[in-house]
Amino acid sequence: MALGCGPFSPGMDTGMFENLAPLLYLKLSSQSLSGIHLPSGKTFNEPPLLAMQVLNGKRQAVAVGEAARKLQGKADVELLNGFEHPRSLLADFSIAEKTLQLFFRQLTPKSLFKPAPVVVLHPQEHLEGGLTQIEARGLHELCCCAGARKVHLWIGRELSQEELRSRQFPADGGSLIAP
């Protein structure tokens, strides 16, 4: 089961507009954010880093991913990873949210009409014993706050492009987690 985000009520079926929204398959670990953007087929594999800098007296995000890593060591730039924690995949909600917001912007094509993506989030670590309800809810809310239209939380084997395109999740080899 996937829950809607934003102005859509939980579980709301968005009908014909659902297939117009781009789909982002995100495989998330503390050291990597990888996956694919559909329908473009663009793949990505970046560190989940956010570079913050004080500009005009305000702390602002200036880069994400590999671009953020390149700023390491630069004066007044702080590199942050909102997903690095010894017990949980979600360490700092605000930093993780901003990181995903910027990744979403990078991955979606620039256009006048930019529908919010449907996200299939596939956590890759800290899954021993399964996710708690708090962890599942936190990951779901994270994607919603970052700009997702709808979130599917997938635990199991890697999904194929065909499974993602059809938005059908196999009963064997994994499961959808509802927060």
N, C-alpha and C. Protein backbone atom coordinates (compact mmCIF):
# COMPACT_ATOMS: atom_id res chain seq x y z
N MET A 1 0.84 -1.18 0.00
CA MET A 1 0.00 0.00 0.00
C MET A 1 0.88 1.24 0.00
N ALA A 2 0.51 2.18 -0.80
CA ALA A 2 1.24 3.45 -0.84
C ALA A 2 0.33 4.54 -0.30
N LEU A 3 0.91 5.45 0.41
CA LEU A 3 0.13 6.56 0.91
C LEU A 3 0.47 7.80 0.12
N GLY A 4 -0.56 8.62 -0.09
CA GLY A 4 -0.36 9.87 -0.82
C GLY A 4 0.33 10.89 0.05
N CYS A 5 0.77 11.97 -0.58
CA CYS A 5 1.47 13.04 0.12
C CYS A 5 0.84 14.36 -0.25
N GLY A 6 1.23 15.39 0.45
CA GLY A 6 0.79 16.74 0.12
C GLY A 6 -0.71 16.90 0.22
N PRO A 7 -1.34 17.51 -0.80
CA PRO A 7 -2.76 17.79 -0.72
C PRO A 7 -3.62 16.55 -0.90
N PHE A 8 -3.00 15.41 -1.20
CA PHE A 8 -3.74 14.18 -1.40
C PHE A 8 -3.89 13.46 -0.08
N SER A 9 -5.08 12.98 0.22
CA SER A 9 -5.29 12.27 1.47
C SER A 9 -4.64 10.90 1.39
N PRO A 10 -4.27 10.31 2.55
CA PRO A 10 -3.60 9.01 2.55
C PRO A 10 -4.41 7.97 1.80
N GLY A 11 -3.71 7.25 0.93
CA GLY A 11 -4.33 6.18 0.18
C GLY A 11 -5.21 6.64 -0.96
N MET A 12 -5.29 7.93 -1.19
CA MET A 12 -6.16 8.46 -2.24
C MET A 12 -5.67 8.01 -3.61
N ASP A 13 -6.57 7.47 -4.40
CA ASP A 13 -6.23 7.08 -5.76
C ASP A 13 -6.31 8.32 -6.63
N THR A 14 -5.21 8.64 -7.28
CA THR A 14 -5.18 9.85 -8.08
C THR A 14 -5.57 9.59 -9.53
N GLY A 15 -6.05 8.38 -9.83
CA GLY A 15 -6.61 8.06 -11.13
C GLY A 15 -5.67 8.22 -12.29
N MET A 16 -6.18 8.83 -13.37
CA MET A 16 -5.40 8.93 -14.60
C MET A 16 -4.14 9.76 -14.45
N PHE A 17 -4.11 10.67 -13.48
CA PHE A 17 -2.94 11.51 -13.29
C PHE A 17 -1.76 10.73 -12.70
N GLU A 18 -2.05 9.60 -12.08
CA GLU A 18 -1.00 8.78 -11.47
C GLU A 18 0.06 8.38 -12.49
N ASN A 19 -0.35 8.01 -13.69
CA ASN A 19 0.61 7.57 -14.70
C ASN A 19 1.35 8.71 -15.37
N LEU A 20 0.93 9.94 -15.15
CA LEU A 20 1.64 11.09 -15.70
C LEU A 20 2.83 11.49 -14.82
N ALA A 21 2.77 11.12 -13.57
CA ALA A 21 3.84 11.49 -12.64
C ALA A 21 5.07 10.63 -12.91
N PRO A 22 6.25 11.25 -12.91
CA PRO A 22 7.48 10.46 -13.06
C PRO A 22 7.67 9.55 -11.85
N LEU A 23 8.37 8.46 -12.05
CA LEU A 23 8.65 7.53 -10.97
C LEU A 23 10.14 7.55 -10.68
N LEU A 24 10.48 7.69 -9.41
CA LEU A 24 11.87 7.63 -8.97
C LEU A 24 12.04 6.40 -8.10
N TYR A 25 12.93 5.52 -8.51
CA TYR A 25 13.29 4.35 -7.71
C TYR A 25 14.57 4.70 -6.99
N LEU A 26 14.50 4.84 -5.65
CA LEU A 26 15.64 5.25 -4.85
C LEU A 26 16.11 4.10 -3.97
N LYS A 27 17.34 3.66 -4.19
CA LYS A 27 17.97 2.69 -3.31
C LYS A 27 18.85 3.49 -2.35
N LEU A 28 18.52 3.42 -1.08
CA LEU A 28 19.12 4.30 -0.09
C LEU A 28 19.97 3.53 0.91
N SER A 29 21.21 4.00 1.08
CA SER A 29 22.07 3.53 2.16
C SER A 29 22.75 4.76 2.75
N SER A 30 23.48 4.57 3.82
CA SER A 30 24.13 5.72 4.46
C SER A 30 25.24 6.32 3.61
N GLN A 31 25.75 5.56 2.64
CA GLN A 31 26.85 6.04 1.80
C GLN A 31 26.47 6.23 0.34
N SER A 32 25.23 5.88 -0.04
CA SER A 32 24.86 5.94 -1.45
C SER A 32 23.36 6.16 -1.64
N LEU A 33 23.04 6.99 -2.61
CA LEU A 33 21.67 7.18 -3.07
C LEU A 33 21.71 6.87 -4.56
N SER A 34 21.13 5.74 -4.93
CA SER A 34 21.20 5.33 -6.33
C SER A 34 19.82 4.92 -6.80
N GLY A 35 19.70 4.74 -8.11
CA GLY A 35 18.43 4.30 -8.65
C GLY A 35 18.24 4.76 -10.08
N ILE A 36 16.95 4.93 -10.43
CA ILE A 36 16.60 5.26 -11.81
C ILE A 36 15.39 6.20 -11.82
N HIS A 37 15.38 7.09 -12.80
CA HIS A 37 14.25 7.98 -13.06
C HIS A 37 13.50 7.42 -14.26
N LEU A 38 12.22 7.14 -14.08
CA LEU A 38 11.39 6.68 -15.19
C LEU A 38 10.38 7.77 -15.48
N PRO A 39 10.10 8.10 -16.68
CA PRO A 39 10.30 7.35 -17.90
C PRO A 39 11.63 7.60 -18.62
N SER A 40 12.46 8.52 -18.15
CA SER A 40 13.67 8.86 -18.91
C SER A 40 14.70 7.73 -18.92
N GLY A 41 14.70 6.88 -17.89
CA GLY A 41 15.70 5.82 -17.81
C GLY A 41 17.03 6.29 -17.27
N LYS A 42 17.11 7.55 -16.84
CA LYS A 42 18.36 8.11 -16.32
C LYS A 42 18.69 7.43 -14.98
N THR A 43 19.90 6.87 -14.90
CA THR A 43 20.34 6.24 -13.65
C THR A 43 21.25 7.20 -12.90
N PHE A 44 21.39 6.98 -11.63
CA PHE A 44 22.22 7.83 -10.79
C PHE A 44 22.79 7.01 -9.64
N ASN A 45 23.93 7.45 -9.14
CA ASN A 45 24.56 6.86 -7.97
C ASN A 45 25.43 7.94 -7.36
N GLU A 46 24.97 8.52 -6.27
CA GLU A 46 25.63 9.67 -5.65
C GLU A 46 25.74 9.45 -4.15
N PRO A 47 26.69 10.09 -3.52
CA PRO A 47 26.71 10.06 -2.05
C PRO A 47 25.58 10.95 -1.52
N PRO A 48 24.93 10.55 -0.43
CA PRO A 48 23.83 11.36 0.09
C PRO A 48 24.33 12.52 0.96
N LEU A 49 25.15 13.36 0.36
CA LEU A 49 25.77 14.47 1.08
C LEU A 49 25.11 15.78 0.72
N LEU A 50 25.06 16.66 1.70
CA LEU A 50 24.53 18.01 1.52
C LEU A 50 25.59 18.99 1.98
N ALA A 51 25.94 19.94 1.13
CA ALA A 51 26.89 20.99 1.49
C ALA A 51 26.11 22.22 1.92
N MET A 52 26.42 22.70 3.12
CA MET A 52 25.78 23.89 3.67
C MET A 52 26.83 24.98 3.84
N GLN A 53 26.40 26.22 3.60
CA GLN A 53 27.30 27.36 3.72
C GLN A 53 26.50 28.56 4.21
N VAL A 54 27.13 29.40 4.99
CA VAL A 54 26.48 30.63 5.44
C VAL A 54 26.71 31.68 4.36
N LEU A 55 25.61 32.13 3.75
CA LEU A 55 25.64 33.15 2.71
C LEU A 55 24.72 34.29 3.13
N ASN A 56 25.24 35.49 3.15
CA ASN A 56 24.47 36.67 3.55
C ASN A 56 23.81 36.48 4.92
N GLY A 57 24.53 35.82 5.82
CA GLY A 57 24.03 35.63 7.18
C GLY A 57 23.03 34.50 7.35
N LYS A 58 22.73 33.76 6.27
CA LYS A 58 21.79 32.64 6.34
C LYS A 58 22.48 31.35 5.95
N ARG A 59 22.20 30.29 6.69
CA ARG A 59 22.74 28.96 6.37
C ARG A 59 21.92 28.39 5.22
N GLN A 60 22.60 28.08 4.11
CA GLN A 60 21.90 27.61 2.92
C GLN A 60 22.56 26.37 2.35
N ALA A 61 21.73 25.53 1.72
CA ALA A 61 22.25 24.37 0.99
C ALA A 61 22.83 24.88 -0.33
N VAL A 62 24.08 24.49 -0.63
CA VAL A 62 24.72 24.98 -1.85
C VAL A 62 25.01 23.86 -2.85
N ALA A 63 25.01 22.61 -2.40
CA ALA A 63 25.26 21.50 -3.32
C ALA A 63 24.81 20.20 -2.68
N VAL A 64 24.61 19.21 -3.54
CA VAL A 64 24.19 17.88 -3.09
C VAL A 64 24.95 16.83 -3.87
N GLY A 65 25.14 15.66 -3.25
CA GLY A 65 25.78 14.54 -3.93
C GLY A 65 27.25 14.75 -4.21
N GLU A 66 27.67 14.37 -5.41
CA GLU A 66 29.07 14.49 -5.81
C GLU A 66 29.54 15.94 -5.83
N ALA A 67 28.65 16.84 -6.22
CA ALA A 67 28.99 18.27 -6.21
C ALA A 67 29.30 18.74 -4.79
N ALA A 68 28.57 18.21 -3.80
CA ALA A 68 28.84 18.57 -2.41
C ALA A 68 30.18 18.01 -1.96
N ARG A 69 30.49 16.77 -2.36
CA ARG A 69 31.77 16.16 -1.98
C ARG A 69 32.95 16.99 -2.50
N LYS A 70 32.80 17.56 -3.69
CA LYS A 70 33.87 18.37 -4.28
C LYS A 70 34.14 19.65 -3.48
N LEU A 71 33.18 20.06 -2.66
CA LEU A 71 33.36 21.26 -1.84
C LEU A 71 34.01 20.97 -0.49
N GLN A 72 34.29 19.68 -0.25
CA GLN A 72 34.90 19.30 1.02
C GLN A 72 36.23 20.02 1.22
N GLY A 73 36.42 20.59 2.40
CA GLY A 73 37.64 21.30 2.71
C GLY A 73 37.59 22.78 2.38
N LYS A 74 36.58 23.20 1.63
CA LYS A 74 36.44 24.61 1.30
C LYS A 74 36.02 25.39 2.56
N ALA A 75 36.56 26.57 2.70
CA ALA A 75 36.26 27.40 3.87
C ALA A 75 34.76 27.67 3.97
N ASP A 76 34.25 27.58 5.17
CA ASP A 76 32.85 27.90 5.48
C ASP A 76 31.84 26.93 4.86
N VAL A 77 32.28 25.76 4.37
CA VAL A 77 31.36 24.77 3.83
C VAL A 77 31.34 23.58 4.77
N GLU A 78 30.14 23.18 5.16
CA GLU A 78 29.96 22.03 6.04
C GLU A 78 29.28 20.92 5.25
N LEU A 79 29.87 19.71 5.24
CA LEU A 79 29.28 18.56 4.58
C LEU A 79 28.47 17.76 5.60
N LEU A 80 27.23 17.46 5.25
CA LEU A 80 26.34 16.75 6.16
C LEU A 80 25.73 15.54 5.46
N ASN A 81 25.51 14.48 6.24
CA ASN A 81 24.86 13.28 5.73
C ASN A 81 23.71 12.96 6.68
N GLY A 82 22.50 13.19 6.26
CA GLY A 82 21.32 12.95 7.09
C GLY A 82 20.94 11.50 7.21
N PHE A 83 21.71 10.60 6.58
CA PHE A 83 21.39 9.17 6.60
C PHE A 83 22.43 8.33 7.32
N GLU A 84 23.41 8.96 7.92
CA GLU A 84 24.49 8.21 8.55
C GLU A 84 24.31 8.15 10.06
N HIS A 85 23.94 6.97 10.54
CA HIS A 85 23.75 6.71 11.97
C HIS A 85 23.99 5.23 12.21
N PRO A 86 24.58 4.86 13.33
CA PRO A 86 24.90 3.44 13.55
C PRO A 86 23.69 2.52 13.73
N ARG A 87 22.53 3.06 14.13
CA ARG A 87 21.37 2.20 14.39
C ARG A 87 20.21 2.37 13.42
N SER A 88 20.19 3.45 12.66
CA SER A 88 19.03 3.75 11.82
C SER A 88 19.49 4.40 10.53
N LEU A 89 18.70 4.26 9.50
CA LEU A 89 19.03 4.86 8.22
C LEU A 89 18.72 6.36 8.20
N LEU A 90 17.82 6.80 9.04
CA LEU A 90 17.44 8.20 9.09
C LEU A 90 18.05 8.83 10.34
N ALA A 91 19.08 9.65 10.14
CA ALA A 91 19.80 10.25 11.27
C ALA A 91 19.33 11.66 11.57
N ASP A 92 19.15 12.50 10.55
CA ASP A 92 18.74 13.90 10.73
C ASP A 92 17.68 14.20 9.68
N PHE A 93 16.44 14.32 10.14
CA PHE A 93 15.31 14.47 9.22
C PHE A 93 15.46 15.70 8.34
N SER A 94 15.80 16.84 8.91
CA SER A 94 15.88 18.09 8.14
C SER A 94 16.96 18.03 7.07
N ILE A 95 18.11 17.51 7.41
CA ILE A 95 19.20 17.39 6.44
C ILE A 95 18.84 16.37 5.36
N ALA A 96 18.26 15.23 5.75
CA ALA A 96 17.85 14.21 4.79
C ALA A 96 16.77 14.76 3.85
N GLU A 97 15.83 15.52 4.40
CA GLU A 97 14.76 16.11 3.58
C GLU A 97 15.33 17.06 2.53
N LYS A 98 16.21 17.95 2.94
CA LYS A 98 16.80 18.91 2.00
C LYS A 98 17.62 18.18 0.94
N THR A 99 18.33 17.14 1.35
CA THR A 99 19.12 16.34 0.41
C THR A 99 18.21 15.74 -0.66
N LEU A 100 17.11 15.12 -0.24
CA LEU A 100 16.20 14.51 -1.21
C LEU A 100 15.52 15.57 -2.08
N GLN A 101 15.15 16.72 -1.50
CA GLN A 101 14.55 17.79 -2.31
C GLN A 101 15.46 18.17 -3.47
N LEU A 102 16.73 18.35 -3.16
CA LEU A 102 17.68 18.76 -4.21
C LEU A 102 17.92 17.64 -5.22
N PHE A 103 17.96 16.39 -4.75
CA PHE A 103 18.08 15.27 -5.69
C PHE A 103 16.86 15.20 -6.60
N PHE A 104 15.67 15.36 -6.05
CA PHE A 104 14.45 15.33 -6.86
C PHE A 104 14.52 16.39 -7.95
N ARG A 105 14.97 17.59 -7.60
CA ARG A 105 15.08 18.67 -8.60
C ARG A 105 16.08 18.32 -9.69
N GLN A 106 17.19 17.71 -9.31
CA GLN A 106 18.21 17.34 -10.30
C GLN A 106 17.72 16.26 -11.24
N LEU A 107 16.94 15.33 -10.72
CA LEU A 107 16.56 14.15 -11.49
C LEU A 107 15.36 14.35 -12.39
N THR A 108 14.54 15.33 -12.09
CA THR A 108 13.36 15.55 -12.93
C THR A 108 13.69 16.56 -14.02
N PRO A 109 13.29 16.29 -15.24
CA PRO A 109 13.59 17.19 -16.35
C PRO A 109 13.00 18.58 -16.10
N LYS A 110 13.71 19.57 -16.57
CA LYS A 110 13.25 20.96 -16.42
C LYS A 110 12.13 21.21 -17.42
N SER A 111 11.00 21.66 -16.90
CA SER A 111 9.87 21.98 -17.75
C SER A 111 8.93 22.91 -16.98
N LEU A 112 8.01 23.52 -17.70
CA LEU A 112 7.03 24.40 -17.08
C LEU A 112 6.11 23.60 -16.16
N PHE A 113 5.66 22.48 -16.65
CA PHE A 113 4.79 21.59 -15.87
C PHE A 113 5.64 20.47 -15.31
N LYS A 114 5.86 20.49 -14.02
CA LYS A 114 6.72 19.49 -13.39
C LYS A 114 5.92 18.76 -12.30
N PRO A 115 5.27 17.64 -12.66
CA PRO A 115 4.50 16.94 -11.64
C PRO A 115 5.43 16.32 -10.58
N ALA A 116 4.93 16.25 -9.36
CA ALA A 116 5.70 15.64 -8.28
C ALA A 116 5.88 14.15 -8.58
N PRO A 117 7.05 13.61 -8.24
CA PRO A 117 7.30 12.20 -8.57
C PRO A 117 6.63 11.23 -7.61
N VAL A 118 6.35 10.05 -8.12
CA VAL A 118 6.00 8.91 -7.29
C VAL A 118 7.34 8.28 -6.93
N VAL A 119 7.57 8.00 -5.66
CA VAL A 119 8.85 7.48 -5.21
C VAL A 119 8.70 6.05 -4.70
N VAL A 120 9.57 5.17 -5.19
CA VAL A 120 9.70 3.83 -4.62
C VAL A 120 11.01 3.87 -3.85
N LEU A 121 10.92 3.89 -2.53
CA LEU A 121 12.09 3.96 -1.67
C LEU A 121 12.47 2.56 -1.23
N HIS A 122 13.71 2.18 -1.51
CA HIS A 122 14.21 0.85 -1.23
C HIS A 122 15.41 0.96 -0.28
N PRO A 123 15.17 0.92 1.05
CA PRO A 123 16.29 0.98 2.00
C PRO A 123 17.21 -0.22 1.82
N GLN A 124 18.52 0.02 1.91
CA GLN A 124 19.50 -1.03 1.66
C GLN A 124 20.22 -1.51 2.92
N GLU A 125 20.03 -0.85 4.04
CA GLU A 125 20.73 -1.26 5.26
C GLU A 125 19.90 -0.94 6.49
N HIS A 126 20.36 -1.43 7.63
CA HIS A 126 19.67 -1.30 8.92
C HIS A 126 18.29 -1.93 8.86
N LEU A 127 18.22 -3.11 8.23
CA LEU A 127 16.95 -3.80 8.07
C LEU A 127 16.84 -5.04 8.94
N GLU A 128 17.84 -5.30 9.78
CA GLU A 128 17.82 -6.48 10.63
C GLU A 128 16.55 -6.47 11.48
N GLY A 129 15.77 -7.52 11.38
CA GLY A 129 14.53 -7.59 12.15
C GLY A 129 13.40 -6.77 11.56
N GLY A 130 13.61 -6.19 10.39
CA GLY A 130 12.58 -5.39 9.74
C GLY A 130 12.58 -3.96 10.24
N LEU A 131 11.79 -3.15 9.60
CA LEU A 131 11.65 -1.74 9.99
C LEU A 131 10.57 -1.62 11.06
N THR A 132 10.81 -0.78 12.04
CA THR A 132 9.76 -0.49 13.00
C THR A 132 8.74 0.41 12.33
N GLN A 133 7.57 0.53 12.94
CA GLN A 133 6.55 1.42 12.41
C GLN A 133 7.07 2.86 12.38
N ILE A 134 7.86 3.23 13.38
CA ILE A 134 8.42 4.58 13.45
C ILE A 134 9.37 4.82 12.28
N GLU A 135 10.24 3.83 11.98
CA GLU A 135 11.19 3.98 10.87
C GLU A 135 10.45 4.06 9.54
N ALA A 136 9.46 3.19 9.34
CA ALA A 136 8.69 3.21 8.09
C ALA A 136 7.97 4.55 7.92
N ARG A 137 7.36 5.03 8.98
CA ARG A 137 6.65 6.31 8.92
C ARG A 137 7.62 7.46 8.66
N GLY A 138 8.79 7.40 9.31
CA GLY A 138 9.79 8.45 9.12
C GLY A 138 10.28 8.51 7.69
N LEU A 139 10.55 7.35 7.08
CA LEU A 139 11.01 7.32 5.69
C LEU A 139 9.92 7.80 4.74
N HIS A 140 8.68 7.40 5.02
CA HIS A 140 7.55 7.84 4.20
C HIS A 140 7.39 9.35 4.28
N GLU A 141 7.36 9.89 5.48
CA GLU A 141 7.21 11.33 5.68
C GLU A 141 8.37 12.10 5.06
N LEU A 142 9.56 11.53 5.16
CA LEU A 142 10.74 12.17 4.56
C LEU A 142 10.54 12.40 3.07
N CYS A 143 10.11 11.36 2.36
CA CYS A 143 9.90 11.49 0.91
C CYS A 143 8.77 12.47 0.60
N CYS A 144 7.70 12.42 1.39
CA CYS A 144 6.58 13.36 1.17
C CYS A 144 7.04 14.80 1.36
N CYS A 145 7.75 15.04 2.45
CA CYS A 145 8.22 16.40 2.73
C CYS A 145 9.22 16.88 1.69
N ALA A 146 9.94 15.95 1.07
CA ALA A 146 10.92 16.32 0.04
C ALA A 146 10.26 16.60 -1.30
N GLY A 147 8.95 16.28 -1.43
CA GLY A 147 8.26 16.62 -2.67
C GLY A 147 7.64 15.46 -3.43
N ALA A 148 7.59 14.27 -2.84
CA ALA A 148 6.99 13.13 -3.54
C ALA A 148 5.47 13.26 -3.54
N ARG A 149 4.87 12.80 -4.62
CA ARG A 149 3.41 12.77 -4.74
C ARG A 149 2.85 11.58 -3.98
N LYS A 150 3.55 10.46 -4.08
CA LYS A 150 3.15 9.21 -3.46
C LYS A 150 4.41 8.43 -3.14
N VAL A 151 4.38 7.62 -2.09
CA VAL A 151 5.57 6.87 -1.67
C VAL A 151 5.22 5.40 -1.51
N HIS A 152 6.05 4.55 -2.11
CA HIS A 152 6.00 3.11 -1.91
C HIS A 152 7.29 2.75 -1.18
N LEU A 153 7.21 2.11 -0.04
CA LEU A 153 8.37 1.68 0.71
C LEU A 153 8.56 0.19 0.45
N TRP A 154 9.63 -0.18 -0.26
CA TRP A 154 9.87 -1.55 -0.71
C TRP A 154 11.04 -2.16 0.05
N ILE A 155 10.82 -3.33 0.61
CA ILE A 155 11.87 -4.08 1.28
C ILE A 155 11.99 -5.42 0.56
N GLY A 156 13.18 -5.71 0.04
CA GLY A 156 13.38 -6.98 -0.65
C GLY A 156 14.39 -6.84 -1.77
N ARG A 157 14.25 -7.70 -2.76
CA ARG A 157 15.18 -7.71 -3.89
C ARG A 157 15.03 -6.45 -4.73
N GLU A 158 16.03 -6.20 -5.56
CA GLU A 158 15.98 -5.05 -6.45
C GLU A 158 14.87 -5.25 -7.47
N LEU A 159 14.15 -4.19 -7.77
CA LEU A 159 13.06 -4.25 -8.73
C LEU A 159 13.58 -3.97 -10.14
N SER A 160 12.98 -4.63 -11.11
CA SER A 160 13.36 -4.42 -12.51
C SER A 160 12.64 -3.20 -13.07
N GLN A 161 13.15 -2.70 -14.20
CA GLN A 161 12.50 -1.54 -14.84
C GLN A 161 11.08 -1.89 -15.26
N GLU A 162 10.86 -3.12 -15.70
CA GLU A 162 9.52 -3.52 -16.12
C GLU A 162 8.55 -3.50 -14.93
N GLU A 163 9.00 -4.00 -13.77
CA GLU A 163 8.15 -3.98 -12.58
C GLU A 163 7.86 -2.54 -12.17
N LEU A 164 8.86 -1.69 -12.27
CA LEU A 164 8.67 -0.29 -11.91
C LEU A 164 7.73 0.42 -12.88
N ARG A 165 7.92 0.19 -14.17
CA ARG A 165 7.06 0.84 -15.17
C ARG A 165 5.60 0.44 -14.99
N SER A 166 5.36 -0.83 -14.69
CA SER A 166 3.98 -1.30 -14.52
C SER A 166 3.43 -0.94 -13.14
N ARG A 167 4.33 -0.51 -12.26
CA ARG A 167 3.97 -0.15 -10.88
C ARG A 167 3.27 -1.31 -10.18
N GLN A 168 3.74 -2.50 -10.52
CA GLN A 168 3.26 -3.72 -9.89
C GLN A 168 4.42 -4.33 -9.12
N PHE A 169 4.21 -4.60 -7.85
CA PHE A 169 5.27 -5.12 -7.01
C PHE A 169 5.06 -6.61 -6.80
N PRO A 170 6.11 -7.41 -7.03
CA PRO A 170 5.96 -8.87 -6.94
C PRO A 170 5.67 -9.32 -5.51
N ALA A 171 4.87 -10.37 -5.40
CA ALA A 171 4.54 -10.92 -4.09
C ALA A 171 5.72 -11.71 -3.51
N ASP A 172 6.55 -12.25 -4.41
CA ASP A 172 7.71 -13.01 -3.95
C ASP A 172 8.96 -12.13 -4.02
N GLY A 173 9.86 -12.30 -3.08
CA GLY A 173 11.11 -11.57 -3.12
C GLY A 173 11.10 -10.21 -2.44
N GLY A 174 10.01 -9.87 -1.77
CA GLY A 174 9.97 -8.61 -1.07
C GLY A 174 8.57 -8.25 -0.62
N SER A 175 8.47 -7.09 -0.01
CA SER A 175 7.15 -6.64 0.43
C SER A 175 7.09 -5.13 0.50
N LEU A 176 5.88 -4.63 0.32
CA LEU A 176 5.61 -3.21 0.51
C LEU A 176 5.30 -2.99 1.98
N ILE A 177 5.88 -1.97 2.54
CA ILE A 177 5.65 -1.65 3.96
C ILE A 177 4.78 -0.40 4.01
N ALA A 178 3.69 -0.50 4.71
CA ALA A 178 2.80 0.66 4.89
C ALA A 178 3.12 1.30 6.23
N PRO A 179 3.39 2.60 6.22
CA PRO A 179 3.68 3.27 7.50
C PRO A 179 2.44 3.39 8.37
